Amino acid sequence: MSGRFIHEERDGLEPVHEQVVGAAADRWTRRLVFFLRAMAIVSLLKGLYHWAHVCGIAGDDSAPFDVQPIAWQAATIFFAVLDLVAAVGLWLAAAWGAVIWLMAVASMLAVEIAFPHVFGGGVIVGGAEALLLMAYLVLALKAAQEHPA
C-alpha cells in the first residue's frame, strides 16, 4: 500500500495524514526508493571496505595504509567518508543523499578511468558504476513523470 502525506492546516500545527493512493500510481517512485535503499547498502559496504583499509583490517599486511602511495591514501579516505554519508542519505531517500551518491559514483568513475594507477583501473568497476548511474537516471525520470508539478 502506498500513500502520500497531506498536511491539513488548521489553528496551529496539525499531524500529517497519509492519503492512500492506488497501487499503480506510484509504481516508479516505489522502484526508485527500492533502488536508493539497495544503493545505500552497497554504499555502506563500500565505505566499510575503505575504512577497513584505513584501519589496517583489510589488505595485505606487507603494505599497510601508511606506506601506500599518497594518491591511493587520499582516494581511500575520500571514498571511506563519502560512501558512508551517501549511504545514510540514500537510505532516508533524502534529496541530498542522491546528490552525494552521484558525486561518489562520478568520482569513482573518474578515478577508474582517468587515474587507473590509484585503484588498478578496473573496467568492471567502472562499467558497473556507469550502469548504476544510468539506472538511477531512468528511475528518477520515470518517477518524476508520475508526479508532474
Protein backbone atom coordinates (compact mmCIF):
# COMPACT_ATOMS: atom_id res chain seq x y z
CA MET A 1 0.00 0.00 0.00
CA SER A 2 1.47 3.35 -0.95
CA GLY A 3 0.47 6.77 0.14
CA ARG A 4 1.17 10.44 0.04
CA PHE A 5 1.34 12.67 3.03
CA ILE A 6 -1.06 15.57 3.21
CA HIS A 7 -0.74 18.34 5.75
CA GLU A 8 -4.02 19.90 6.81
CA GLU A 9 -3.69 23.44 8.09
CA ARG A 10 -5.98 24.49 10.92
CA ASP A 11 -5.48 26.55 14.06
CA GLY A 12 -1.88 25.53 14.53
CA LEU A 13 0.30 22.56 13.91
CA GLU A 14 -1.65 19.50 12.89
CA PRO A 15 -0.34 16.00 12.29
CA VAL A 16 0.49 14.82 8.82
CA HIS A 17 -2.08 12.34 7.47
CA GLU A 18 -1.46 9.66 4.90
CA GLN A 19 -3.73 9.59 1.88
CA VAL A 20 -3.98 6.14 0.32
CA VAL A 21 -3.40 6.18 -3.42
CA GLY A 22 -3.82 3.40 -5.97
CA ALA A 23 -1.06 0.81 -6.03
CA ALA A 24 -0.13 1.51 -9.65
CA ALA A 25 0.02 5.29 -9.22
CA ASP A 26 3.43 5.36 -7.55
CA ARG A 27 4.99 2.34 -9.21
CA TRP A 28 8.14 4.11 -10.45
CA THR A 29 8.54 6.07 -7.24
CA ARG A 30 8.50 2.85 -5.23
CA ARG A 31 11.04 1.34 -7.62
CA LEU A 32 13.24 4.41 -7.22
CA VAL A 33 13.09 4.22 -3.42
CA PHE A 34 13.89 0.49 -3.54
CA PHE A 35 16.87 1.26 -5.83
CA LEU A 36 18.05 4.01 -3.46
CA ARG A 37 17.85 1.65 -0.49
CA ALA A 38 19.80 -1.03 -2.40
CA MET A 39 22.44 1.55 -3.31
CA ALA A 40 22.53 2.62 0.35
CA ILE A 41 23.51 -0.92 1.32
CA VAL A 42 26.13 -1.05 -1.44
CA SER A 43 27.50 2.36 -0.40
CA LEU A 44 27.61 1.25 3.24
CA LEU A 45 29.60 -1.85 2.29
CA LYS A 46 31.94 0.19 0.09
CA GLY A 47 32.51 2.73 2.86
CA LEU A 48 33.23 0.00 5.39
CA TYR A 49 35.59 -1.65 2.89
CA HIS A 50 37.57 1.58 2.54
CA TRP A 51 37.60 2.11 6.31
CA ALA A 52 38.88 -1.44 6.74
CA HIS A 53 41.87 -0.47 4.58
CA VAL A 54 42.42 2.73 6.56
CA CYS A 55 42.31 0.85 9.86
CA GLY A 56 44.54 -1.95 8.59
CA ILE A 57 41.89 -4.66 8.91
CA ALA A 58 41.75 -5.46 5.20
CA GLY A 59 44.52 -5.65 2.67
CA ASP A 60 48.00 -7.04 2.58
CA ASP A 61 49.98 -6.99 5.84
CA SER A 62 53.17 -6.26 3.89
CA ALA A 63 51.69 -2.99 2.56
CA PRO A 64 49.81 -1.18 5.35
CA PHE A 65 47.88 2.03 4.76
CA ASP A 66 50.69 4.39 5.74
CA VAL A 67 53.15 3.02 3.15
CA GLN A 68 50.69 3.16 0.24
CA PRO A 69 51.07 5.95 -2.35
CA ILE A 70 49.58 9.31 -1.36
CA ALA A 71 47.05 9.19 -4.23
CA TRP A 72 45.76 5.82 -3.02
CA GLN A 73 45.55 7.06 0.58
CA ALA A 74 43.68 10.21 -0.41
CA ALA A 75 41.22 8.34 -2.62
CA THR A 76 40.64 5.70 0.04
CA ILE A 77 39.87 8.27 2.74
CA PHE A 78 37.71 10.28 0.32
CA PHE A 79 35.55 7.26 -0.54
CA ALA A 80 35.53 5.99 3.06
CA VAL A 81 33.79 9.16 4.18
CA LEU A 82 31.73 9.91 1.06
CA ASP A 83 30.26 6.43 0.69
CA LEU A 84 29.05 6.32 4.28
CA VAL A 85 27.47 9.77 4.07
CA ALA A 86 25.80 8.77 0.79
CA ALA A 87 24.52 5.57 2.39
CA VAL A 88 22.72 7.49 5.11
CA GLY A 89 21.16 9.93 2.67
CA LEU A 90 20.12 7.19 0.26
CA TRP A 91 18.51 5.10 3.00
CA LEU A 92 16.49 8.10 4.11
CA ALA A 93 15.59 8.82 0.45
CA ALA A 94 16.69 12.39 1.06
CA ALA A 95 17.43 14.59 -1.94
CA TRP A 96 20.97 15.27 -0.70
CA GLY A 97 21.64 11.52 -0.44
CA ALA A 98 21.20 11.03 -4.16
CA VAL A 99 23.41 14.05 -4.85
CA ILE A 100 26.20 12.71 -2.62
CA TRP A 101 25.80 9.25 -4.16
CA LEU A 102 26.01 10.72 -7.68
CA MET A 103 29.16 12.57 -6.67
CA ALA A 104 30.66 9.35 -5.30
CA VAL A 105 29.75 7.40 -8.45
CA ALA A 106 31.12 10.09 -10.76
CA SER A 107 34.29 10.36 -8.67
CA MET A 108 34.86 6.60 -8.67
CA LEU A 109 34.25 6.52 -12.42
CA ALA A 110 36.77 9.33 -12.91
CA VAL A 111 39.35 7.61 -10.69
CA GLU A 112 38.92 4.29 -12.52
CA ILE A 113 39.16 5.86 -15.98
CA ALA A 114 41.50 8.84 -15.59
CA PHE A 115 43.74 7.55 -12.81
CA PRO A 116 44.00 3.78 -13.26
CA HIS A 117 47.17 3.62 -11.15
CA VAL A 118 45.25 4.57 -7.98
CA PHE A 119 42.89 1.59 -7.64
CA GLY A 120 44.01 -0.52 -10.57
CA GLY A 121 41.76 0.84 -13.30
CA GLY A 122 39.05 -1.79 -13.06
CA VAL A 123 36.97 -1.75 -16.22
CA ILE A 124 34.39 -3.91 -14.48
CA VAL A 125 34.05 -1.46 -11.59
CA GLY A 126 33.85 1.49 -13.97
CA GLY A 127 31.24 -0.26 -16.10
CA ALA A 128 29.18 -1.20 -13.06
CA GLU A 129 29.27 2.38 -11.78
CA ALA A 130 28.15 3.67 -15.20
CA LEU A 131 25.27 1.15 -15.32
CA LEU A 132 24.12 2.13 -11.83
CA LEU A 133 24.23 5.79 -12.84
CA MET A 134 22.10 5.08 -15.92
CA ALA A 135 19.63 3.02 -13.86
CA TYR A 136 19.25 5.87 -11.38
CA LEU A 137 18.63 8.40 -14.15
CA VAL A 138 15.97 6.22 -15.79
CA LEU A 139 14.18 5.56 -12.48
CA ALA A 140 14.34 9.20 -11.43
CA LEU A 141 12.91 10.39 -14.76
CA LYS A 142 10.10 7.80 -14.67
CA ALA A 143 9.28 8.72 -11.06
CA ALA A 144 9.26 12.42 -11.94
CA GLN A 145 6.77 11.75 -14.75
CA GLU A 146 4.39 10.18 -12.21
CA HIS A 147 4.28 13.40 -10.21
CA PRO A 148 4.02 16.35 -12.57
CA ALA A 149 4.49 19.69 -10.84
